[in-house]
PDB file of N, CA and C in Angstrom:
ATOM      1  N   MET A   1     100.716 -38.248   0.284  1.00  0.00           N
ATOM      2  CA  MET A   1     100.952 -36.998   1.268  1.00  0.00           C
ATOM      3  C   MET A   1     101.170 -35.828   0.249  1.00  0.00           C
ATOM      4  N   ASP A   2     101.639 -36.146  -0.721  1.00  0.00           N
ATOM      5  CA  ASP A   2     101.765 -34.668  -2.076  1.00  0.00           C
ATOM      6  C   ASP A   2     100.860 -34.264  -2.334  1.00  0.00           C
ATOM      7  N   ASN A   3      99.844 -35.256  -2.102  1.00  0.00           N
ATOM      8  CA  ASN A   3      98.498 -34.578  -3.005  1.00  0.00           C
ATOM      9  C   ASN A   3      97.833 -33.432  -1.930  1.00  0.00           C
ATOM     10  N   TYR A   4      97.668 -33.978  -0.479  1.00  0.00           N
ATOM     11  CA  TYR A   4      97.121 -33.290   0.923  1.00  0.00           C
ATOM     12  C   TYR A   4      97.808 -31.620   0.462  1.00  0.00           C
ATOM     13  N   GLU A   5      99.338 -31.923   0.591  1.00  0.00           N
ATOM     14  CA  GLU A   5      99.874 -30.635   0.673  1.00  0.00           C
ATOM     15  C   GLU A   5      99.757 -29.762  -0.601  1.00  0.00           C
ATOM     16  N   ALA A   6      99.707 -30.440  -1.965  1.00  0.00           N
ATOM     17  CA  ALA A   6      99.353 -29.483  -2.718  1.00  0.00           C
ATOM     18  C   ALA A   6      98.235 -28.445  -2.603  1.00  0.00           C
ATOM     19  N   ILE A   7      97.532 -29.284  -2.257  1.00  0.00           N
ATOM     20  CA  ILE A   7      95.595 -28.781  -1.822  1.00  0.00           C
ATOM     21  C   ILE A   7      95.868 -27.675  -0.738  1.00  0.00           C
ATOM     22  N   GLN A   8      96.762 -28.128   0.257  1.00  0.00           N
ATOM     23  CA  GLN A   8      96.944 -27.137   1.100  1.00  0.00           C
ATOM     24  C   GLN A   8      97.046 -25.923   0.417  1.00  0.00           C
ATOM     25  N   ALA A   9      98.326 -25.859   0.107  1.00  0.00           N
ATOM     26  CA  ALA A   9      99.038 -24.872  -0.674  1.00  0.00           C
ATOM     27  C   ALA A   9      98.489 -24.458  -1.234  1.00  0.00           C
ATOM     28  N   LEU A  10      97.503 -24.761  -2.509  1.00  0.00           N
ATOM     29  CA  LEU A  10      96.564 -24.156  -3.138  1.00  0.00           C
ATOM     30  C   LEU A  10      95.464 -23.610  -2.299  1.00  0.00           C
ATOM     31  N   HIS A  11      94.756 -24.037  -1.217  1.00  0.00           N
ATOM     32  CA  HIS A  11      93.750 -23.374  -0.427  1.00  0.00           C
ATOM     33  C   HIS A  11      94.593 -22.260  -0.137  1.00  0.00           C
ATOM     34  N   LYS A  12      95.750 -22.206   0.902  1.00  0.00           N
ATOM     35  CA  LYS A  12      96.534 -20.946   1.560  1.00  0.00           C
ATOM     36  C   LYS A  12      96.516 -19.999   0.129  1.00  0.00           C
ATOM     37  N   SER A  13      96.781 -20.185  -1.001  1.00  0.00           N
ATOM     38  CA  SER A  13      97.191 -18.965  -1.992  1.00  0.00           C
ATOM     39  C   SER A  13      95.896 -18.477  -2.403  1.00  0.00           C
ATOM     40  N   LEU A  14      94.263 -18.970  -2.139  1.00  0.00           N
ATOM     41  CA  LEU A  14      93.325 -18.371  -2.771  1.00  0.00           C
ATOM     42  C   LEU A  14      92.985 -17.315  -2.024  1.00  0.00           C
ATOM     43  N   PRO A  15      92.502 -16.419  -2.792  1.00  0.00           N
ATOM     44  CA  PRO A  15      91.295 -15.215  -1.782  1.00  0.00           C
ATOM     45  C   PRO A  15      90.770 -15.457  -0.931  1.00  0.00           C
ATOM     46  N   ALA A  16      90.223 -14.604  -0.129  1.00  0.00           N
ATOM     47  CA  ALA A  16      89.591 -14.533   0.955  1.00  0.00           C
ATOM     48  C   ALA A  16      87.917 -14.608   0.285  1.00  0.00           C
ATOM     49  N   PHE A  17      87.077 -15.229   0.563  1.00  0.00           N
ATOM     50  CA  PHE A  17      85.726 -15.098   0.411  1.00  0.00           C
ATOM     51  C   PHE A  17      84.813 -13.871   0.265  1.00  0.00           C
ATOM     52  N   SER A  18      84.474 -13.167  -0.779  1.00  0.00           N
ATOM     53  CA  SER A  18      83.650 -12.041  -0.627  1.00  0.00           C
ATOM     54  C   SER A  18      82.544 -12.370  -1.167  1.00  0.00           C
ATOM     55  N   PRO A  19      81.409 -12.053  -0.590  1.00  0.00           N
ATOM     56  CA  PRO A  19      80.063 -11.831  -0.611  1.00  0.00           C
ATOM     57  C   PRO A  19      79.587 -11.473  -2.181  1.00  0.00           C
ATOM     58  N   TYR A  20      78.626 -11.890  -2.845  1.00  0.00           N
ATOM     59  CA  TYR A  20      78.057 -10.909  -4.106  1.00  0.00           C
ATOM     60  C   TYR A  20      77.502  -9.389  -3.432  1.00  0.00           C
ATOM     61  N   VAL A  21      76.680 -10.331  -2.216  1.00  0.00           N
ATOM     62  CA  VAL A  21      75.739  -8.897  -1.786  1.00  0.00           C
ATOM     63  C   VAL A  21      76.415  -8.470  -0.215  1.00  0.00           C
ATOM     64  N   PRO A  22      76.683  -7.111  -0.738  1.00  0.00           N
ATOM     65  CA  PRO A  22      77.358  -6.921   1.415  1.00  0.00           C
ATOM     66  C   PRO A  22      76.479  -6.944   2.196  1.00  0.00           C
ATOM     67  N   ALA A  23      76.948  -7.800   3.579  1.00  0.00           N
ATOM     68  CA  ALA A  23      76.183  -7.677   4.672  1.00  0.00           C
ATOM     69  C   ALA A  23      75.389  -6.610   5.009  1.00  0.00           C
ATOM     70  N   SER A  24      76.093  -5.288   5.034  1.00  0.00           N
ATOM     71  CA  SER A  24      75.207  -4.516   5.192  1.00  0.00           C
ATOM     72  C   SER A  24      73.970  -3.801   4.568  1.00  0.00           C
ATOM     73  N   LEU A  25      73.916  -4.910   3.447  1.00  0.00           N
ATOM     74  CA  LEU A  25      72.372  -4.695   2.618  1.00  0.00           C
ATOM     75  C   LEU A  25      71.433  -5.578   2.755  1.00  0.00           C
ATOM     76  N   LEU A  26      71.972  -6.847   3.523  1.00  0.00           N
ATOM     77  CA  LEU A  26      70.967  -7.386   3.977  1.00  0.00           C
ATOM     78  C   LEU A  26      69.493  -7.330   4.387  1.00  0.00           C
ATOM     79  N   PRO A  27      69.959  -6.504   5.814  1.00  0.00           N
ATOM     80  CA  PRO A  27      68.293  -6.605   6.728  1.00  0.00           C
ATOM     81  C   PRO A  27      67.511  -5.241   5.697  1.00  0.00           C
ATOM     82  N   SER A  28      68.031  -4.475   4.651  1.00  0.00           N
ATOM     83  CA  SER A  28      67.079  -3.877   3.773  1.00  0.00           C
ATOM     84  C   SER A  28      66.563  -4.585   2.868  1.00  0.00           C
ATOM     85  N   ILE A  29      66.935  -5.517   2.321  1.00  0.00           N
ATOM     86  CA  ILE A  29      66.558  -6.561   1.303  1.00  0.00           C
ATOM     87  C   ILE A  29      65.662  -7.341   1.870  1.00  0.00           C
ATOM     88  N   ALA A  30      65.790  -7.858   3.106  1.00  0.00           N
ATOM     89  CA  ALA A  30      65.035  -8.812   4.027  1.00  0.00           C
ATOM     90  C   ALA A  30      63.816  -7.876   4.419  1.00  0.00           C
ATOM     91  N   LEU A  31      63.687  -7.010   4.652  1.00  0.00           N
ATOM     92  CA  LEU A  31      62.605  -5.961   5.181  1.00  0.00           C
ATOM     93  C   LEU A  31      61.575  -5.253   3.453  1.00  0.00           C
ATOM     94  N   THR A  32      62.640  -5.462   2.661  1.00  0.00           N
ATOM     95  CA  THR A  32      61.496  -5.172   1.688  1.00  0.00           C
ATOM     96  C   THR A  32      61.060  -6.591   1.198  1.00  0.00           C
ATOM     97  N   LEU A  33      61.541  -7.501   0.946  1.00  0.00           N
ATOM     98  CA  LEU A  33      60.719  -9.028   0.587  1.00  0.00           C
ATOM     99  C   LEU A  33      60.406  -9.248   1.416  1.00  0.00           C
ATOM    100  N   LEU A  34      60.081  -9.433   2.741  1.00  0.00           N
ATOM    101  CA  LEU A  34      59.358  -9.572   3.859  1.00  0.00           C
ATOM    102  C   LEU A  34      58.105  -8.839   3.661  1.00  0.00           C
ATOM    103  N   ALA A  35      58.125  -7.287   3.579  1.00  0.00           N
ATOM    104  CA  ALA A  35      57.161  -6.518   3.498  1.00  0.00           C
ATOM    105  C   ALA A  35      56.281  -6.633   2.085  1.00  0.00           C
ATOM    106  N   SER A  36      57.178  -6.784   0.861  1.00  0.00           N
ATOM    107  CA  SER A  36      56.008  -7.385  -0.002  1.00  0.00           C
ATOM    108  C   SER A  36      55.703  -8.947  -0.085  1.00  0.00           C
ATOM    109  N   THR A  37      56.078  -9.543   0.245  1.00  0.00           N
ATOM    110  CA  THR A  37      54.963 -10.917   0.993  1.00  0.00           C
ATOM    111  C   THR A  37      54.103 -10.868   1.754  1.00  0.00           C
ATOM    112  N   PHE A  38      53.655  -9.824   2.530  1.00  0.00           N
ATOM    113  CA  PHE A  38      52.625  -9.462   3.633  1.00  0.00           C
ATOM    114  C   PHE A  38      51.946  -8.624   2.843  1.00  0.00           C
ATOM    115  N   ALA A  39      52.441  -7.773   1.718  1.00  0.00           N
ATOM    116  CA  ALA A  39      51.510  -7.154   1.378  1.00  0.00           C
ATOM    117  C   ALA A  39      50.685  -8.196  -0.220  1.00  0.00           C
ATOM    118  N   LEU A  40      51.572  -9.099  -0.260  1.00  0.00           N
ATOM    119  CA  LEU A  40      51.034 -10.078  -1.608  1.00  0.00           C
ATOM    120  C   LEU A  40      49.936 -11.134  -0.912  1.00  0.00           C
ATOM    121  N   ALA A  41      50.305 -11.587   0.168  1.00  0.00           N
ATOM    122  CA  ALA A  41      49.100 -12.375   1.130  1.00  0.00           C
ATOM    123  C   ALA A  41      48.051 -11.366   1.676  1.00  0.00           C
ATOM    124  N   PHE A  42      47.909  -9.847   1.456  1.00  0.00           N
ATOM    125  CA  PHE A  42      46.888  -9.428   1.627  1.00  0.00           C
ATOM    126  C   PHE A  42      46.325  -9.086   0.415  1.00  0.00           C
ATOM    127  N   TYR A  43      46.914  -8.915  -0.228  1.00  0.00           N
ATOM    128  CA  TYR A  43      46.023  -8.932  -1.737  1.00  0.00           C
ATOM    129  C   TYR A  43      45.668 -10.181  -2.133  1.00  0.00           C
ATOM    130  N   PHE A  44      46.409 -11.117  -1.630  1.00  0.00           N
ATOM    131  CA  PHE A  44      45.664 -13.061  -2.180  1.00  0.00           C
ATOM    132  C   PHE A  44      44.525 -12.865  -1.147  1.00  0.00           C
ATOM    133  N   SER A  45      44.451 -12.359   0.042  1.00  0.00           N
ATOM    134  CA  SER A  45      43.336 -12.897   1.289  1.00  0.00           C
ATOM    135  C   SER A  45      42.159 -12.143   0.372  1.00  0.00           C
ATOM    136  N   THR A  46      42.137 -11.325  -0.585  1.00  0.00           N
ATOM    137  CA  THR A  46      41.223 -10.285  -1.025  1.00  0.00           C
ATOM    138  C   THR A  46      40.770 -10.488  -2.444  1.00  0.00           C
ATOM    139  N   LEU A  47      41.355 -11.377  -2.931  1.00  0.00           N
ATOM    140  CA  LEU A  47      40.788 -11.788  -4.267  1.00  0.00           C
ATOM    141  C   LEU A  47      39.592 -12.306  -4.681  1.00  0.00           C
ATOM    142  N   PRO A  48      38.968 -11.989  -5.526  1.00  0.00           N
ATOM    143  CA  PRO A  48      37.566 -13.178  -5.762  1.00  0.00           C
ATOM    144  C   PRO A  48      38.105 -14.312  -6.156  1.00  0.00           C
ATOM    145  N   LYS A  49      36.981 -15.366  -5.882  1.00  0.00           N
ATOM    146  CA  LYS A  49      37.306 -16.877  -6.007  1.00  0.00           C
ATOM    147  C   LYS A  49      36.644 -16.864  -7.595  1.00  0.00           C
ATOM    148  N   ASP A  50      37.813 -17.480  -8.069  1.00  0.00           N
ATOM    149  CA  ASP A  50      37.635 -18.092  -9.367  1.00  0.00           C
ATOM    150  C   ASP A  50      37.236 -19.431  -9.881  1.00  0.00           C
ATOM    151  N   THR A  51      36.716 -19.910 -10.886  1.00  0.00           N
ATOM    152  CA  THR A  51      36.743 -21.106 -11.064  1.00  0.00           C
ATOM    153  C   THR A  51      38.019 -21.577 -11.187  1.00  0.00           C
ATOM    154  N   PHE A  52      38.512 -20.880 -11.860  1.00  0.00           N
ATOM    155  CA  PHE A  52      40.242 -21.437 -12.692  1.00  0.00           C
ATOM    156  C   PHE A  52      41.463 -20.206 -11.821  1.00  0.00           C
ATOM    157  N   PRO A  53      41.719 -20.842 -10.851  1.00  0.00           N
ATOM    158  CA  PRO A  53      42.898 -20.174  -9.934  1.00  0.00           C
ATOM    159  C   PRO A  53      43.761 -19.850 -10.755  1.00  0.00           C
ATOM    160  N   LEU A  54      44.273 -19.330 -11.799  1.00  0.00           N
ATOM    161  CA  LEU A  54      45.741 -18.629 -12.239  1.00  0.00           C
ATOM    162  C   LEU A  54      46.213 -17.718 -11.507  1.00  0.00           C
ATOM    163  N   ARG A  55      45.164 -16.565 -10.899  1.00  0.00           N
ATOM    164  CA  ARG A  55      46.041 -15.233 -10.720  1.00  0.00           C
ATOM    165  C   ARG A  55      46.285 -15.904  -9.259  1.00  0.00           C
ATOM    166  N   GLU A  56      45.357 -16.624  -8.614  1.00  0.00           N
ATOM    167  CA  GLU A  56      45.768 -16.833  -6.994  1.00  0.00           C
ATOM    168  C   GLU A  56      46.575 -17.925  -7.166  1.00  0.00           C
ATOM    169  N   THR A  57      47.067 -18.556  -8.226  1.00  0.00           N
ATOM    170  CA  THR A  57      48.536 -19.439  -7.719  1.00  0.00           C
ATOM    171  C   THR A  57      49.635 -18.548  -8.341  1.00  0.00           C
ATOM    172  N   ALA A  58      49.472 -17.745  -9.418  1.00  0.00           N
ATOM    173  CA  ALA A  58      50.472 -16.442  -9.361  1.00  0.00           C
ATOM    174  C   ALA A  58      50.778 -15.681  -8.383  1.00  0.00           C
ATOM    175  N   VAL A  59      49.837 -15.111  -7.928  1.00  0.00           N
ATOM    176  CA  VAL A  59      50.378 -14.126  -6.447  1.00  0.00           C
ATOM    177  C   VAL A  59      50.519 -15.099  -5.368  1.00  0.00           C
ATOM    178  N   ALA A  60      49.989 -16.087  -5.084  1.00  0.00           N
ATOM    179  CA  ALA A  60      50.532 -16.813  -3.839  1.00  0.00           C
ATOM    180  C   ALA A  60      51.640 -17.810  -4.290  1.00  0.00           C
ATOM    181  N   SER A  61      52.733 -18.044  -5.548  1.00  0.00           N
ATOM    182  CA  SER A  61      53.546 -18.300  -5.974  1.00  0.00           C
ATOM    183  C   SER A  61      54.775 -17.414  -5.677  1.00  0.00           C
ATOM    184  N   ILE A  62      54.587 -16.156  -6.409  1.00  0.00           N
ATOM    185  CA  ILE A  62      55.096 -14.910  -5.916  1.00  0.00           C
ATOM    186  C   ILE A  62      55.658 -14.691  -4.668  1.00  0.00           C
ATOM    187  N   ALA A  63      54.665 -14.609  -3.715  1.00  0.00           N
ATOM    188  CA  ALA A  63      54.452 -14.107  -2.196  1.00  0.00           C
ATOM    189  C   ALA A  63      55.503 -15.609  -1.490  1.00  0.00           C
ATOM    190  N   SER A  64      55.580 -16.659  -1.964  1.00  0.00           N
ATOM    191  CA  SER A  64      56.023 -17.423  -1.571  1.00  0.00           C
ATOM    192  C   SER A  64      57.810 -17.831  -1.327  1.00  0.00           C
ATOM    193  N   ILE A  65      57.678 -17.310  -2.979  1.00  0.00           N
ATOM    194  CA  ILE A  65      59.214 -16.876  -3.341  1.00  0.00           C
ATOM    195  C   ILE A  65      60.007 -16.015  -2.474  1.00  0.00           C
ATOM    196  N   LEU A  66      59.278 -14.586  -2.363  1.00  0.00           N
ATOM    197  CA  LEU A  66      59.699 -13.110  -2.179  1.00  0.00           C
ATOM    198  C   LEU A  66      59.822 -13.952  -0.309  1.00  0.00           C
ATOM    199  N   GLY A  67      58.691 -14.413   0.245  1.00  0.00           N
ATOM    200  CA  GLY A  67      59.148 -14.641   1.607  1.00  0.00           C
ATOM    201  C   GLY A  67      60.257 -15.471   1.764  1.00  0.00           C
ATOM    202  N   GLY A  68      60.422 -16.656   1.096  1.00  0.00           N
ATOM    203  CA  GLY A  68      61.672 -17.754   1.356  1.00  0.00           C
ATOM    204  C   GLY A  68      62.931 -16.979   1.428  1.00  0.00           C
ATOM    205  N   PHE A  69      63.197 -15.706   0.405  1.00  0.00           N
ATOM    206  CA  PHE A  69      64.248 -15.145  -0.037  1.00  0.00           C
ATOM    207  C   PHE A  69      64.323 -14.370   1.025  1.00  0.00           C
ATOM    208  N   GLY A  70      63.489 -13.840   1.870  1.00  0.00           N
ATOM    209  CA  GLY A  70      63.392 -12.590   2.801  1.00  0.00           C
ATOM    210  C   GLY A  70      63.360 -13.285   4.110  1.00  0.00           C
ATOM    211  N   VAL A  71      63.188 -14.685   4.532  1.00  0.00           N
ATOM    212  CA  VAL A  71      63.656 -15.035   5.565  1.00  0.00           C
ATOM    213  C   VAL A  71      65.591 -15.085   5.679  1.00  0.00           C
ATOM    214  N   VAL A  72      65.691 -15.988   4.399  1.00  0.00           N
ATOM    215  CA  VAL A  72      67.181 -16.139   4.106  1.00  0.00           C
ATOM    216  C   VAL A  72      67.710 -14.815   4.217  1.00  0.00           C
ATOM    217  N   ALA A  73      67.462 -13.279   3.609  1.00  0.00           N
ATOM    218  CA  ALA A  73      68.450 -12.537   3.934  1.00  0.00           C
ATOM    219  C   ALA A  73      68.193 -12.052   5.594  1.00  0.00           C
ATOM    220  N   LEU A  74      67.272 -12.368   6.148  1.00  0.00           N
ATOM    221  CA  LEU A  74      67.046 -12.501   7.369  1.00  0.00           C
ATOM    222  C   LEU A  74      68.031 -12.775   8.367  1.00  0.00           C
ATOM    223  N   PHE A  75      67.825 -13.956   8.322  1.00  0.00           N
ATOM    224  CA  PHE A  75      68.990 -15.121   8.945  1.00  0.00           C
ATOM    225  C   PHE A  75      70.190 -14.440   8.674  1.00  0.00           C
ATOM    226  N   CYS A  76      70.693 -14.527   7.852  1.00  0.00           N
ATOM    227  CA  CYS A  76      71.698 -14.299   7.198  1.00  0.00           C
ATOM    228  C   CYS A  76      72.666 -12.785   7.968  1.00  0.00           C
ATOM    229  N   SER A  77      71.412 -11.881   7.937  1.00  0.00           N
ATOM    230  CA  SER A  77      71.742 -10.340   8.417  1.00  0.00           C
ATOM    231  C   SER A  77      71.843 -10.306   9.734  1.00  0.00           C
ATOM    232  N   VAL A  78      71.362 -11.536  10.638  1.00  0.00           N
ATOM    233  CA  VAL A  78      71.534 -11.674  12.221  1.00  0.00           C
ATOM    234  C   VAL A  78      72.596 -12.380  12.686  1.00  0.00           C
ATOM    235  N   GLY A  79      73.388 -13.411  11.409  1.00  0.00           N
ATOM    236  CA  GLY A  79      74.856 -14.263  11.657  1.00  0.00           C
ATOM    237  C   GLY A  79      74.526 -15.769  11.532  1.00  0.00           C
ATOM    238  N   VAL A  80      73.247 -15.983  11.307  1.00  0.00           N
ATOM    239  CA  VAL A  80      73.032 -17.459  10.984  1.00  0.00           C
ATOM    240  C   VAL A  80      72.730 -17.736   9.788  1.00  0.00           C
ATOM    241  N   ASN A  81      74.199 -17.852   8.926  1.00  0.00           N
ATOM    242  CA  ASN A  81      74.256 -17.996   7.302  1.00  0.00           C
ATOM    243  C   ASN A  81      74.450 -19.593   7.051  1.00  0.00           C
ATOM    244  N   VAL A  82      73.292 -19.463   6.399  1.00  0.00           N
ATOM    245  CA  VAL A  82      72.526 -20.792   5.581  1.00  0.00           C
ATOM    246  C   VAL A  82      72.637 -20.619   4.364  1.00  0.00           C
TER     247      VAL A  82
END
């Protein structure tokens, strides 16, 4: 039981959690990332078809990454902490 009490005392002595990114910036970050995703998806749809799709793969990968982070920022801005 001493171990539990020591952990509980340590827990009470730690400072409160503070995020690296302020919650007030999350809607702006989400809007920027999702708008960039939309723009890259539009650009991806207008690319000429190549035999070796290196540029298509790069644009789609960047759009996917931006979209993923944008959705997480959007969820966190409305209170769904993922």
